[in-house]
């Protein structure tokens, strides 16, 4: 996976993802921090860590009505003092 560049407007901002139907920002499989989000046609929302998101990537792109990939932010830290 090639990492997507962090756009200049994204630098210094904490990651915020809002997906209707998700109550937690944790992987449905292992409980780690989620970086891949998908909305299924049934309306169910799912979230996965980078590892499980990569493992399920092909299935998600076939089955989900929308997929949000934030894996490029794995390991990125945001310094809130840089304003």
Protein backbone atom coordinates (compact mmCIF):
# COMPACT_ATOMS: atom_id res chain seq x y z
CA UNK A 1 0.00 0.00 0.00
CA UNK A 2 1.39 3.37 -0.97
CA UNK A 3 0.75 5.92 1.71
CA UNK A 4 -1.36 8.85 0.61
CA UNK A 5 0.27 12.21 1.29
CA UNK A 6 -1.05 14.23 4.18
CA UNK A 7 -2.48 17.36 2.62
CA UNK A 8 -1.30 20.67 4.03
CA UNK A 9 -4.83 21.42 5.30
CA UNK A 10 -4.71 18.17 7.32
CA UNK A 11 -1.47 18.92 9.13
CA UNK A 12 -1.85 19.76 12.75
CA UNK A 13 -5.46 18.64 12.94
CA UNK A 14 -6.52 15.58 14.89
CA UNK A 15 -8.18 12.83 12.87
CA UNK A 16 -11.95 12.91 13.13
CA UNK A 17 -14.20 10.46 11.34
CA UNK A 18 -17.96 10.45 11.85
CA UNK A 19 -19.83 7.47 10.46
CA UNK A 20 -23.54 7.10 11.20
CA UNK A 21 -24.15 3.91 13.12
CA UNK A 22 -20.69 3.73 14.72
CA UNK A 23 -20.58 4.17 18.45
CA UNK A 24 -16.84 3.60 18.88
CA UNK A 25 -13.67 4.31 16.93
CA UNK A 26 -12.30 0.78 17.51
CA UNK A 27 -11.67 -2.23 15.28
CA UNK A 28 -14.62 -4.63 15.24
CA UNK A 29 -12.21 -7.58 15.14
CA UNK A 30 -9.52 -6.80 17.73
CA UNK A 31 -10.46 -3.52 19.46
CA UNK A 32 -7.43 -1.54 18.22
CA UNK A 33 -7.77 2.03 16.92
CA UNK A 34 -9.79 2.05 13.69
CA UNK A 35 -8.41 3.41 10.41
CA UNK A 36 -10.76 1.82 7.86
CA UNK A 37 -14.47 2.54 7.99
CA UNK A 38 -17.23 1.11 5.83
CA UNK A 39 -20.95 1.67 5.48
CA UNK A 40 -22.75 -1.44 4.30
CA UNK A 41 -25.84 -1.31 2.05
CA UNK A 42 -27.91 -2.55 5.00
CA UNK A 43 -26.98 0.63 6.85
CA UNK A 44 -24.62 -1.13 9.25
CA UNK A 45 -21.30 0.64 9.79
CA UNK A 46 -18.09 -1.24 10.53
CA UNK A 47 -14.59 -0.11 11.54
CA UNK A 48 -11.26 -1.92 11.33
CA UNK A 49 -7.67 -1.32 12.39
CA UNK A 50 -5.01 -1.04 9.69
CA UNK A 51 -4.23 -4.76 9.84
CA UNK A 52 -7.81 -6.02 9.58
CA UNK A 53 -8.80 -3.22 7.19
CA UNK A 54 -6.05 -4.39 4.84
CA UNK A 55 -7.06 -8.04 5.29
CA UNK A 56 -10.72 -7.27 4.44
CA UNK A 57 -10.00 -4.50 1.90
CA UNK A 58 -11.09 -6.33 -1.25
CA UNK A 59 -14.29 -7.62 0.38
CA UNK A 60 -15.14 -4.17 1.72
CA UNK A 61 -14.73 -2.55 -1.69
CA UNK A 62 -17.07 -5.11 -3.24
CA UNK A 63 -19.72 -5.21 -0.51
CA UNK A 64 -19.72 -1.76 1.12
CA UNK A 65 -21.60 1.24 -0.24
CA UNK A 66 -18.88 3.56 1.11
CA UNK A 67 -15.34 2.97 2.39
CA UNK A 68 -13.19 5.54 4.19
CA UNK A 69 -9.49 4.68 4.24
CA UNK A 70 -7.42 6.52 6.85
CA UNK A 71 -4.50 4.05 6.93
CA UNK A 72 -2.12 6.76 5.74
CA UNK A 73 -2.46 8.29 9.22
CA UNK A 74 -1.16 5.22 11.06
CA UNK A 75 1.75 6.39 13.18
CA UNK A 76 1.13 10.09 12.48
CA UNK A 77 1.09 12.24 15.58
CA UNK A 78 -0.43 15.69 15.73
CA UNK A 79 1.28 18.32 17.82
CA UNK A 80 -1.47 20.62 19.11
CA UNK A 81 1.12 23.27 20.05
CA UNK A 82 1.88 23.97 16.34
CA UNK A 83 -0.78 26.56 15.53
